[in-house]
PDB file of N, CA and C in Angstrom:
ATOM      1  N   MET A   1       0.840  -1.202  -0.010  1.00  0.00           N
ATOM      2  CA  MET A   1      -0.004   0.043  -0.018  1.00  0.00           C
ATOM      3  C   MET A   1       0.926   1.227   0.029  1.00  0.00           C
ATOM      4  N   GLU A   2       0.562   2.038  -0.906  1.00  0.00           N
ATOM      5  CA  GLU A   2       1.303   3.400  -1.210  1.00  0.00           C
ATOM      6  C   GLU A   2       0.975   4.405   0.130  1.00  0.00           C
ATOM      7  N   GLN A   3       2.010   4.946   0.705  1.00  0.00           N
ATOM      8  CA  GLN A   3       1.802   5.990   1.612  1.00  0.00           C
ATOM      9  C   GLN A   3       1.463   7.295   1.047  1.00  0.00           C
ATOM     10  N   PRO A   4       0.512   7.958   1.671  1.00  0.00           N
ATOM     11  CA  PRO A   4       0.056   9.384   1.075  1.00  0.00           C
ATOM     12  C   PRO A   4       1.253  10.378   1.065  1.00  0.00           C
ATOM     13  N   ARG A   5       1.483  11.131   0.008  1.00  0.00           N
ATOM     14  CA  ARG A   5       2.545  12.069   0.161  1.00  0.00           C
ATOM     15  C   ARG A   5       2.072  13.244   0.843  1.00  0.00           C
ATOM     16  N   ILE A   6       3.093  13.781   1.436  1.00  0.00           N
ATOM     17  CA  ILE A   6       2.772  15.051   2.325  1.00  0.00           C
ATOM     18  C   ILE A   6       2.258  16.148   1.622  1.00  0.00           C
ATOM     19  N   GLU A   7       2.832  16.352   0.329  1.00  0.00           N
ATOM     20  CA  GLU A   7       2.358  17.432  -0.398  1.00  0.00           C
ATOM     21  C   GLU A   7       0.770  17.573  -0.555  1.00  0.00           C
ATOM     22  N   ILE A   8       0.142  16.379  -0.265  1.00  0.00           N
ATOM     23  CA  ILE A   8      -1.388  16.513  -0.447  1.00  0.00           C
ATOM     24  C   ILE A   8      -1.845  17.313   0.613  1.00  0.00           C
ATOM     25  N   PHE A   9      -1.212  17.331   1.790  1.00  0.00           N
ATOM     26  CA  PHE A   9      -1.641  17.851   3.004  1.00  0.00           C
ATOM     27  C   PHE A   9      -1.235  19.182   3.198  1.00  0.00           C
ATOM     28  N   VAL A  10      -0.248  19.572   2.560  1.00  0.00           N
ATOM     29  CA  VAL A  10       0.342  20.854   2.875  1.00  0.00           C
ATOM     30  C   VAL A  10      -0.069  21.942   1.887  1.00  0.00           C
ATOM     31  N   LYS A  11      -0.339  23.068   2.526  1.00  0.00           N
ATOM     32  CA  LYS A  11      -0.906  24.195   1.637  1.00  0.00           C
ATOM     33  C   LYS A  11       0.233  24.619   0.871  1.00  0.00           C
ATOM     34  N   LYS A  12      -0.092  24.686  -0.394  1.00  0.00           N
ATOM     35  CA  LYS A  12       1.135  25.189  -1.352  1.00  0.00           C
ATOM     36  C   LYS A  12       1.169  26.581  -1.690  1.00  0.00           C
ATOM     37  N   THR A  13       0.245  27.457  -1.309  1.00  0.00           N
ATOM     38  CA  THR A  13       0.190  28.806  -1.503  1.00  0.00           C
ATOM     39  C   THR A  13       1.078  29.505  -0.615  1.00  0.00           C
ATOM     40  N   PRO A  14       1.734  30.552  -0.947  1.00  0.00           N
ATOM     41  CA  PRO A  14       2.681  31.179  -0.051  1.00  0.00           C
ATOM     42  C   PRO A  14       1.852  31.971   1.044  1.00  0.00           C
ATOM     43  N   ALA A  15       2.526  32.361   2.110  1.00  0.00           N
ATOM     44  CA  ALA A  15       1.842  33.195   3.147  1.00  0.00           C
ATOM     45  C   ALA A  15       1.365  34.431   2.718  1.00  0.00           C
ATOM     46  N   ASP A  16       0.291  35.015   3.054  1.00  0.00           N
ATOM     47  CA  ASP A  16      -0.079  36.422   2.670  1.00  0.00           C
ATOM     48  C   ASP A  16       0.485  37.402   3.584  1.00  0.00           C
ATOM     49  N   GLU A  17       1.590  38.036   3.301  1.00  0.00           N
ATOM     50  CA  GLU A  17       2.263  38.898   3.955  1.00  0.00           C
ATOM     51  C   GLU A  17       1.608  40.004   4.362  1.00  0.00           C
ATOM     52  N   THR A  18       0.386  40.326   3.672  1.00  0.00           N
ATOM     53  CA  THR A  18      -0.359  41.554   4.255  1.00  0.00           C
ATOM     54  C   THR A  18      -1.431  41.199   5.277  1.00  0.00           C
ATOM     55  N   ALA A  19      -1.493  39.771   5.697  1.00  0.00           N
ATOM     56  CA  ALA A  19      -2.540  39.469   6.627  1.00  0.00           C
ATOM     57  C   ALA A  19      -2.332  40.259   7.894  1.00  0.00           C
ATOM     58  N   PRO A  20      -3.290  40.719   8.654  1.00  0.00           N
ATOM     59  CA  PRO A  20      -3.178  41.563   9.755  1.00  0.00           C
ATOM     60  C   PRO A  20      -2.292  40.932  10.684  1.00  0.00           C
ATOM     61  N   ASP A  21      -2.476  39.606  11.165  1.00  0.00           N
ATOM     62  CA  ASP A  21      -1.696  39.036  12.233  1.00  0.00           C
ATOM     63  C   ASP A  21      -0.205  38.910  11.688  1.00  0.00           C
ATOM     64  N   LEU A  22       0.182  38.741  10.481  1.00  0.00           N
ATOM     65  CA  LEU A  22       1.372  38.792   9.928  1.00  0.00           C
ATOM     66  C   LEU A  22       2.103  40.106  10.247  1.00  0.00           C
ATOM     67  N   ARG A  23       1.220  41.221   9.853  1.00  0.00           N
ATOM     68  CA  ARG A  23       1.773  42.577   9.953  1.00  0.00           C
ATOM     69  C   ARG A  23       2.086  42.941  11.386  1.00  0.00           C
ATOM     70  N   VAL A  24       1.173  42.510  12.396  1.00  0.00           N
ATOM     71  CA  VAL A  24       1.376  42.703  13.706  1.00  0.00           C
ATOM     72  C   VAL A  24       2.727  42.002  14.197  1.00  0.00           C
ATOM     73  N   ALA A  25       3.060  40.702  13.766  1.00  0.00           N
ATOM     74  CA  ALA A  25       4.161  40.042  14.141  1.00  0.00           C
ATOM     75  C   ALA A  25       5.338  40.649  13.583  1.00  0.00           C
ATOM     76  N   HIS A  26       5.185  41.483  12.293  1.00  0.00           N
ATOM     77  CA  HIS A  26       6.531  42.081  11.734  1.00  0.00           C
ATOM     78  C   HIS A  26       6.737  43.292  12.527  1.00  0.00           C
ATOM     79  N   PHE A  27       5.611  44.032  13.035  1.00  0.00           N
ATOM     80  CA  PHE A  27       5.752  45.191  13.893  1.00  0.00           C
ATOM     81  C   PHE A  27       6.385  44.911  15.110  1.00  0.00           C
ATOM     82  N   MET A  28       5.997  43.757  15.759  1.00  0.00           N
ATOM     83  CA  MET A  28       6.601  43.302  17.039  1.00  0.00           C
ATOM     84  C   MET A  28       8.073  43.045  16.786  1.00  0.00           C
ATOM     85  N   ALA A  29       8.466  42.260  15.893  1.00  0.00           N
ATOM     86  CA  ALA A  29       9.749  41.971  15.522  1.00  0.00           C
ATOM     87  C   ALA A  29      10.601  43.243  15.257  1.00  0.00           C
ATOM     88  N   ASP A  30      10.117  44.148  14.537  1.00  0.00           N
ATOM     89  CA  ASP A  30      10.862  45.500  14.240  1.00  0.00           C
ATOM     90  C   ASP A  30      10.929  46.308  15.454  1.00  0.00           C
ATOM     91  N   ALA A  31       9.860  46.286  16.170  1.00  0.00           N
ATOM     92  CA  ALA A  31      10.010  47.014  17.589  1.00  0.00           C
ATOM     93  C   ALA A  31      11.021  46.435  18.533  1.00  0.00           C
ATOM     94  N   ALA A  32      11.091  45.117  18.531  1.00  0.00           N
ATOM     95  CA  ALA A  32      12.224  44.500  19.285  1.00  0.00           C
ATOM     96  C   ALA A  32      13.650  44.888  18.983  1.00  0.00           C
ATOM     97  N   GLN A  33      13.749  45.388  17.578  1.00  0.00           N
ATOM     98  CA  GLN A  33      15.015  45.797  17.021  1.00  0.00           C
ATOM     99  C   GLN A  33      15.185  47.237  17.293  1.00  0.00           C
ATOM    100  N   GLY A  34      14.171  47.939  17.928  1.00  0.00           N
ATOM    101  CA  GLY A  34      14.346  49.312  18.214  1.00  0.00           C
ATOM    102  C   GLY A  34      13.725  50.358  17.158  1.00  0.00           C
ATOM    103  N   ASP A  35      12.964  49.760  16.150  1.00  0.00           N
ATOM    104  CA  ASP A  35      12.250  50.604  15.280  1.00  0.00           C
ATOM    105  C   ASP A  35      11.072  51.349  15.803  1.00  0.00           C
ATOM    106  N   ILE A  36      11.337  52.627  15.957  1.00  0.00           N
ATOM    107  CA  ILE A  36      10.379  53.424  16.551  1.00  0.00           C
ATOM    108  C   ILE A  36       9.100  53.754  15.694  1.00  0.00           C
ATOM    109  N   HIS A  37       9.059  53.514  14.474  1.00  0.00           N
ATOM    110  CA  HIS A  37       8.027  53.499  13.574  1.00  0.00           C
ATOM    111  C   HIS A  37       7.224  52.339  13.765  1.00  0.00           C
ATOM    112  N   ALA A  38       7.720  51.241  14.026  1.00  0.00           N
ATOM    113  CA  ALA A  38       6.867  49.868  14.311  1.00  0.00           C
ATOM    114  C   ALA A  38       6.131  50.194  15.658  1.00  0.00           C
ATOM    115  N   CYS A  39       6.883  50.671  16.585  1.00  0.00           N
ATOM    116  CA  CYS A  39       6.307  51.061  18.049  1.00  0.00           C
ATOM    117  C   CYS A  39       5.054  51.820  17.710  1.00  0.00           C
ATOM    118  N   PHE A  40       5.149  52.852  16.887  1.00  0.00           N
ATOM    119  CA  PHE A  40       4.084  53.862  16.604  1.00  0.00           C
ATOM    120  C   PHE A  40       2.956  53.024  16.052  1.00  0.00           C
ATOM    121  N   ASP A  41       3.253  52.131  14.970  1.00  0.00           N
ATOM    122  CA  ASP A  41       2.260  51.445  14.240  1.00  0.00           C
ATOM    123  C   ASP A  41       1.506  50.544  15.122  1.00  0.00           C
ATOM    124  N   LEU A  42       2.358  49.937  16.197  1.00  0.00           N
ATOM    125  CA  LEU A  42       1.546  49.064  17.075  1.00  0.00           C
ATOM    126  C   LEU A  42       0.514  50.037  18.088  1.00  0.00           C
ATOM    127  N   GLY A  43       1.121  51.048  18.400  1.00  0.00           N
ATOM    128  CA  GLY A  43       0.317  51.947  19.162  1.00  0.00           C
ATOM    129  C   GLY A  43      -1.116  52.280  18.417  1.00  0.00           C
ATOM    130  N   VAL A  44      -0.987  52.775  17.081  1.00  0.00           N
ATOM    131  CA  VAL A  44      -2.134  52.874  16.353  1.00  0.00           C
ATOM    132  C   VAL A  44      -2.985  51.704  16.284  1.00  0.00           C
ATOM    133  N   ALA A  45      -2.506  50.607  15.895  1.00  0.00           N
ATOM    134  CA  ALA A  45      -3.202  49.340  15.973  1.00  0.00           C
ATOM    135  C   ALA A  45      -4.064  49.107  17.289  1.00  0.00           C
ATOM    136  N   TYR A  46      -3.434  49.160  18.380  1.00  0.00           N
ATOM    137  CA  TYR A  46      -4.052  48.904  19.750  1.00  0.00           C
ATOM    138  C   TYR A  46      -5.137  50.166  19.838  1.00  0.00           C
ATOM    139  N   SER A  47      -4.781  51.262  19.507  1.00  0.00           N
ATOM    140  CA  SER A  47      -5.735  52.290  19.805  1.00  0.00           C
ATOM    141  C   SER A  47      -6.968  52.336  19.058  1.00  0.00           C
ATOM    142  N   THR A  48      -6.811  51.674  17.917  1.00  0.00           N
ATOM    143  CA  THR A  48      -8.031  51.739  17.006  1.00  0.00           C
ATOM    144  C   THR A  48      -8.735  50.302  16.862  1.00  0.00           C
ATOM    145  N   GLY A  49      -7.960  49.332  17.345  1.00  0.00           N
ATOM    146  CA  GLY A  49      -8.552  48.016  17.236  1.00  0.00           C
ATOM    147  C   GLY A  49      -8.340  47.469  15.699  1.00  0.00           C
ATOM    148  N   ASN A  50      -7.275  47.836  15.076  1.00  0.00           N
ATOM    149  CA  ASN A  50      -6.950  47.452  13.640  1.00  0.00           C
ATOM    150  C   ASN A  50      -5.955  46.434  13.737  1.00  0.00           C
ATOM    151  N   LEU A  51      -5.884  45.656  12.586  1.00  0.00           N
ATOM    152  CA  LEU A  51      -4.841  44.584  12.148  1.00  0.00           C
ATOM    153  C   LEU A  51      -5.102  43.425  13.105  1.00  0.00           C
ATOM    154  N   GLY A  52      -6.371  43.238  13.403  1.00  0.00           N
ATOM    155  CA  GLY A  52      -6.687  41.971  14.218  1.00  0.00           C
ATOM    156  C   GLY A  52      -6.501  42.051  15.770  1.00  0.00           C
ATOM    157  N   VAL A  53      -6.153  43.050  16.183  1.00  0.00           N
ATOM    158  CA  VAL A  53      -5.841  43.212  17.537  1.00  0.00           C
ATOM    159  C   VAL A  53      -7.250  43.894  18.151  1.00  0.00           C
ATOM    160  N   ASN A  54      -7.433  43.593  19.500  1.00  0.00           N
ATOM    161  CA  ASN A  54      -8.488  44.323  20.196  1.00  0.00           C
ATOM    162  C   ASN A  54      -8.184  45.706  20.558  1.00  0.00           C
ATOM    163  N   CYS A  55      -9.181  46.486  20.603  1.00  0.00           N
ATOM    164  CA  CYS A  55      -8.719  47.967  21.125  1.00  0.00           C
ATOM    165  C   CYS A  55      -8.314  47.742  22.631  1.00  0.00           C
ATOM    166  N   ASP A  56      -7.019  48.269  22.994  1.00  0.00           N
ATOM    167  CA  ASP A  56      -6.460  48.165  24.355  1.00  0.00           C
ATOM    168  C   ASP A  56      -5.770  49.407  24.553  1.00  0.00           C
ATOM    169  N   LEU A  57      -6.228  50.328  25.318  1.00  0.00           N
ATOM    170  CA  LEU A  57      -5.532  51.612  25.389  1.00  0.00           C
ATOM    171  C   LEU A  57      -4.323  51.457  26.266  1.00  0.00           C
ATOM    172  N   ILE A  58      -4.197  50.597  27.182  1.00  0.00           N
ATOM    173  CA  ILE A  58      -2.978  50.249  27.820  1.00  0.00           C
ATOM    174  C   ILE A  58      -1.892  49.854  27.067  1.00  0.00           C
ATOM    175  N   GLU A  59      -2.158  48.942  26.141  1.00  0.00           N
ATOM    176  CA  GLU A  59      -1.047  48.486  25.217  1.00  0.00           C
ATOM    177  C   GLU A  59      -0.848  49.543  24.213  1.00  0.00           C
ATOM    178  N   ALA A  60      -1.760  50.384  23.805  1.00  0.00           N
ATOM    179  CA  ALA A  60      -1.582  51.548  22.830  1.00  0.00           C
ATOM    180  C   ALA A  60      -0.638  52.553  23.511  1.00  0.00           C
ATOM    181  N   HIS A  61      -0.984  52.829  24.875  1.00  0.00           N
ATOM    182  CA  HIS A  61      -0.116  53.897  25.456  1.00  0.00           C
ATOM    183  C   HIS A  61       1.369  53.304  25.629  1.00  0.00           C
ATOM    184  N   LYS A  62       1.438  52.084  25.990  1.00  0.00           N
ATOM    185  CA  LYS A  62       2.812  51.419  26.112  1.00  0.00           C
ATOM    186  C   LYS A  62       3.526  51.641  24.786  1.00  0.00           C
ATOM    187  N   TRP A  63       2.955  51.370  23.550  1.00  0.00           N
ATOM    188  CA  TRP A  63       3.794  51.479  22.366  1.00  0.00           C
ATOM    189  C   TRP A  63       3.913  52.932  21.823  1.00  0.00           C
ATOM    190  N   PHE A  64       2.857  53.844  22.180  1.00  0.00           N
ATOM    191  CA  PHE A  64       3.286  55.211  21.865  1.00  0.00           C
ATOM    192  C   PHE A  64       4.305  55.768  22.760  1.00  0.00           C
ATOM    193  N   ASN A  65       4.252  55.184  24.091  1.00  0.00           N
ATOM    194  CA  ASN A  65       5.386  55.811  25.043  1.00  0.00           C
ATOM    195  C   ASN A  65       6.676  55.277  24.590  1.00  0.00           C
ATOM    196  N   LEU A  66       6.774  54.022  24.120  1.00  0.00           N
ATOM    197  CA  LEU A  66       8.169  53.499  23.593  1.00  0.00           C
ATOM    198  C   LEU A  66       8.449  54.375  22.479  1.00  0.00           C
ATOM    199  N   ALA A  67       7.736  54.690  21.455  1.00  0.00           N
ATOM    200  CA  ALA A  67       7.951  55.290  20.266  1.00  0.00           C
ATOM    201  C   ALA A  67       8.456  56.774  20.650  1.00  0.00           C
ATOM    202  N   ALA A  68       7.744  57.460  21.438  1.00  0.00           N
ATOM    203  CA  ALA A  68       7.915  58.749  22.007  1.00  0.00           C
ATOM    204  C   ALA A  68       9.107  58.892  22.569  1.00  0.00           C
ATOM    205  N   SER A  69       9.506  58.056  23.442  1.00  0.00           N
ATOM    206  CA  SER A  69      10.890  58.029  24.318  1.00  0.00           C
ATOM    207  C   SER A  69      12.008  57.882  23.455  1.00  0.00           C
ATOM    208  N   ARG A  70      11.851  57.463  22.204  1.00  0.00           N
ATOM    209  CA  ARG A  70      12.919  57.410  21.235  1.00  0.00           C
ATOM    210  C   ARG A  70      12.827  58.547  20.155  1.00  0.00           C
ATOM    211  N   GLY A  71      12.031  59.417  20.358  1.00  0.00           N
ATOM    212  CA  GLY A  71      11.995  60.679  19.611  1.00  0.00           C
ATOM    213  C   GLY A  71      10.849  60.798  18.516  1.00  0.00           C
ATOM    214  N   HIS A  72       9.820  59.975  18.523  1.00  0.00           N
ATOM    215  CA  HIS A  72       8.870  59.943  17.595  1.00  0.00           C
ATOM    216  C   HIS A  72       7.765  61.192  18.084  1.00  0.00           C
ATOM    217  N   GLU A  73       7.730  62.109  17.404  1.00  0.00           N
ATOM    218  CA  GLU A  73       6.892  63.360  17.891  1.00  0.00           C
ATOM    219  C   GLU A  73       5.264  62.934  17.903  1.00  0.00           C
ATOM    220  N   GLU A  74       4.900  62.451  16.786  1.00  0.00           N
ATOM    221  CA  GLU A  74       3.497  62.076  16.674  1.00  0.00           C
ATOM    222  C   GLU A  74       2.910  61.077  17.764  1.00  0.00           C
ATOM    223  N   ALA A  75       3.901  60.174  18.134  1.00  0.00           N
ATOM    224  CA  ALA A  75       3.466  59.155  19.134  1.00  0.00           C
ATOM    225  C   ALA A  75       3.202  59.933  20.483  1.00  0.00           C
ATOM    226  N   ALA A  76       4.092  60.966  20.752  1.00  0.00           N
ATOM    227  CA  ALA A  76       3.958  61.740  21.998  1.00  0.00           C
ATOM    228  C   ALA A  76       2.506  62.250  22.014  1.00  0.00           C
ATOM    229  N   CYS A  77       2.073  63.070  20.825  1.00  0.00           N
ATOM    230  CA  CYS A  77       0.729  63.607  20.735  1.00  0.00           C
ATOM    231  C   CYS A  77      -0.389  62.453  20.987  1.00  0.00           C
ATOM    232  N   CYS A  78      -0.175  61.272  20.262  1.00  0.00           N
ATOM    233  CA  CYS A  78      -1.156  60.270  20.465  1.00  0.00           C
ATOM    234  C   CYS A  78      -1.200  59.632  21.793  1.00  0.00           C
ATOM    235  N   ARG A  79      -0.100  59.562  22.412  1.00  0.00           N
ATOM    236  CA  ARG A  79      -0.093  59.007  23.800  1.00  0.00           C
ATOM    237  C   ARG A  79      -0.879  60.116  24.712  1.00  0.00           C
ATOM    238  N   ALA A  80      -0.699  61.382  24.476  1.00  0.00           N
ATOM    239  CA  ALA A  80      -1.443  62.476  25.377  1.00  0.00           C
ATOM    240  C   ALA A  80      -2.897  62.236  24.927  1.00  0.00           C
ATOM    241  N   ASP A  81      -3.281  62.057  23.632  1.00  0.00           N
ATOM    242  CA  ASP A  81      -4.812  62.035  23.448  1.00  0.00           C
ATOM    243  C   ASP A  81      -5.534  60.738  24.066  1.00  0.00           C
ATOM    244  N   ILE A  82      -4.893  59.597  24.096  1.00  0.00           N
ATOM    245  CA  ILE A  82      -5.483  58.452  24.604  1.00  0.00           C
ATOM    246  C   ILE A  82      -5.306  58.561  26.145  1.00  0.00           C
ATOM    247  N   SER A  83      -4.400  59.222  26.641  1.00  0.00           N
ATOM    248  CA  SER A  83      -4.305  59.471  28.158  1.00  0.00           C
ATOM    249  C   SER A  83      -5.468  59.991  28.702  1.00  0.00           C
ATOM    250  N   ASP A  84      -6.179  60.951  27.947  1.00  0.00           N
ATOM    251  CA  ASP A  84      -7.310  61.688  28.477  1.00  0.00           C
ATOM    252  C   ASP A  84      -8.545  60.660  28.698  1.00  0.00           C
ATOM    253  N   GLU A  85      -8.471  59.556  28.134  1.00  0.00           N
ATOM    254  CA  GLU A  85      -9.510  58.326  28.122  1.00  0.00           C
ATOM    255  C   GLU A  85      -9.083  57.473  29.027  1.00  0.00           C
ATOM    256  N   MET A  86      -8.035  57.597  29.772  1.00  0.00           N
ATOM    257  CA  MET A  86      -7.471  56.470  30.707  1.00  0.00           C
ATOM    258  C   MET A  86      -7.354  56.926  32.087  1.00  0.00           C
ATOM    259  N   THR A  87      -7.639  56.063  33.093  1.00  0.00           N
ATOM    260  CA  THR A  87      -7.508  56.245  34.448  1.00  0.00           C
ATOM    261  C   THR A  87      -5.971  56.388  34.756  1.00  0.00           C
ATOM    262  N   ALA A  88      -5.631  56.989  35.899  1.00  0.00           N
ATOM    263  CA  ALA A  88      -4.286  56.989  36.496  1.00  0.00           C
ATOM    264  C   ALA A  88      -3.728  55.560  36.531  1.00  0.00           C
ATOM    265  N   ARG A  89      -4.481  54.654  37.043  1.00  0.00           N
ATOM    266  CA  ARG A  89      -4.151  53.273  37.268  1.00  0.00           C
ATOM    267  C   ARG A  89      -3.747  52.558  35.849  1.00  0.00           C
ATOM    268  N   GLU A  90      -4.531  52.909  34.806  1.00  0.00           N
ATOM    269  CA  GLU A  90      -4.379  52.373  33.591  1.00  0.00           C
ATOM    270  C   GLU A  90      -3.089  52.934  32.974  1.00  0.00           C
ATOM    271  N   ILE A  91      -2.802  54.342  33.190  1.00  0.00           N
ATOM    272  CA  ILE A  91      -1.622  54.782  32.720  1.00  0.00           C
ATOM    273  C   ILE A  91      -0.313  54.252  33.357  1.00  0.00           C
ATOM    274  N   ALA A  92      -0.452  54.008  34.672  1.00  0.00           N
ATOM    275  CA  ALA A  92       0.611  53.419  35.443  1.00  0.00           C
ATOM    276  C   ALA A  92       0.977  51.956  35.014  1.00  0.00           C
ATOM    277  N   GLU A  93      -0.151  51.217  34.612  1.00  0.00           N
ATOM    278  CA  GLU A  93       0.146  49.824  34.171  1.00  0.00           C
ATOM    279  C   GLU A  93       0.862  49.993  32.623  1.00  0.00           C
ATOM    280  N   ALA A  94       0.363  50.869  31.923  1.00  0.00           N
ATOM    281  CA  ALA A  94       1.071  50.976  30.520  1.00  0.00           C
ATOM    282  C   ALA A  94       2.462  51.486  30.718  1.00  0.00           C
ATOM    283  N   GLN A  95       2.790  52.296  31.702  1.00  0.00           N
ATOM    284  CA  GLN A  95       4.157  52.607  31.841  1.00  0.00           C
ATOM    285  C   GLN A  95       5.076  51.576  32.551  1.00  0.00           C
ATOM    286  N   ARG A  96       4.324  50.713  33.280  1.00  0.00           N
ATOM    287  CA  ARG A  96       5.050  49.428  33.776  1.00  0.00           C
ATOM    288  C   ARG A  96       5.333  48.586  32.787  1.00  0.00           C
ATOM    289  N   ARG A  97       4.275  48.274  31.754  1.00  0.00           N
ATOM    290  CA  ARG A  97       4.664  47.370  30.723  1.00  0.00           C
ATOM    291  C   ARG A  97       5.775  48.008  29.790  1.00  0.00           C
ATOM    292  N   ALA A  98       5.763  49.350  29.571  1.00  0.00           N
ATOM    293  CA  ALA A  98       6.860  49.828  28.684  1.00  0.00           C
ATOM    294  C   ALA A  98       8.250  49.737  29.386  1.00  0.00           C
ATOM    295  N   ARG A  99       8.266  49.765  30.684  1.00  0.00           N
ATOM    296  CA  ARG A  99       9.463  49.698  31.342  1.00  0.00           C
ATOM    297  C   ARG A  99       9.921  48.038  31.198  1.00  0.00           C
ATOM    298  N   GLU A 100       8.904  47.230  31.338  1.00  0.00           N
ATOM    299  CA  GLU A 100       9.158  45.776  31.210  1.00  0.00           C
ATOM    300  C   GLU A 100       9.614  45.405  29.902  1.00  0.00           C
ATOM    301  N   TRP A 101       9.194  46.016  28.949  1.00  0.00           N
ATOM    302  CA  TRP A 101       9.493  45.780  27.386  1.00  0.00           C
ATOM    303  C   TRP A 101      11.025  46.159  27.242  1.00  0.00           C
ATOM    304  N   LEU A 102      11.335  47.441  27.638  1.00  0.00           N
ATOM    305  CA  LEU A 102      12.717  47.744  27.653  1.00  0.00           C
ATOM    306  C   LEU A 102      13.758  46.963  28.392  1.00  0.00           C
ATOM    307  N   ARG A 103      13.211  46.443  29.610  1.00  0.00           N
ATOM    308  CA  ARG A 103      14.174  45.548  30.273  1.00  0.00           C
ATOM    309  C   ARG A 103      14.391  44.373  29.671  1.00  0.00           C
ATOM    310  N   ALA A 104      13.251  43.612  28.940  1.00  0.00           N
ATOM    311  CA  ALA A 104      13.466  42.427  28.323  1.00  0.00           C
ATOM    312  C   ALA A 104      14.264  42.634  27.227  1.00  0.00           C
ATOM    313  N   GLY A 105      14.388  43.947  26.608  1.00  0.00           N
ATOM    314  CA  GLY A 105      15.222  44.175  25.294  1.00  0.00           C
ATOM    315  C   GLY A 105      16.626  44.172  25.831  1.00  0.00           C
ATOM    316  N   GLU A 106      16.909  44.779  26.981  1.00  0.00           N
ATOM    317  CA  GLU A 106      18.311  44.839  27.503  1.00  0.00           C
ATOM    318  C   GLU A 106      18.832  43.377  27.619  1.00  0.00           C
ATOM    319  N   ARG A 107      17.962  42.476  28.279  1.00  0.00           N
ATOM    320  CA  ARG A 107      18.385  41.157  28.589  1.00  0.00           C
ATOM    321  C   ARG A 107      18.580  40.487  27.208  1.00  0.00           C
ATOM    322  N   ARG A 108      17.864  40.608  26.197  1.00  0.00           N
ATOM    323  CA  ARG A 108      18.038  40.072  24.970  1.00  0.00           C
ATOM    324  C   ARG A 108      19.471  40.457  24.388  1.00  0.00           C
ATOM    325  N   ALA A 109      19.753  41.744  24.586  1.00  0.00           N
ATOM    326  CA  ALA A 109      20.993  42.272  23.946  1.00  0.00           C
ATOM    327  C   ALA A 109      22.202  41.804  24.600  1.00  0.00           C
ATOM    328  N   ALA A 110      22.132  41.471  25.932  1.00  0.00           N
ATOM    329  CA  ALA A 110      23.298  41.027  26.740  1.00  0.00           C
ATOM    330  C   ALA A 110      23.769  39.558  26.506  1.00  0.00           C
TER     331      ALA A 110
END
């Protein structure tokens, strides 16, 4: 009896590089490399609920904060805008997450 070939079960079409989840993954990878534009794009995604992520102002603030801390002027404005809709506790959590992201990056670099 002949064994079925694996090609029958494997999807032969290439991945859709524009799929929202892949774009978020690319932004995450670029952000990990210090790309401030990727941080900004993640902030936009989380603040609007685009690219397949849920709207999450804490995550949005975190990403805008990371971009702004590296010199992205528009990110600073966006961070200020969403801060108006957040509680002090939510802002503190976003800042904690941003510090945690930076520390994790330092550990990866070492």
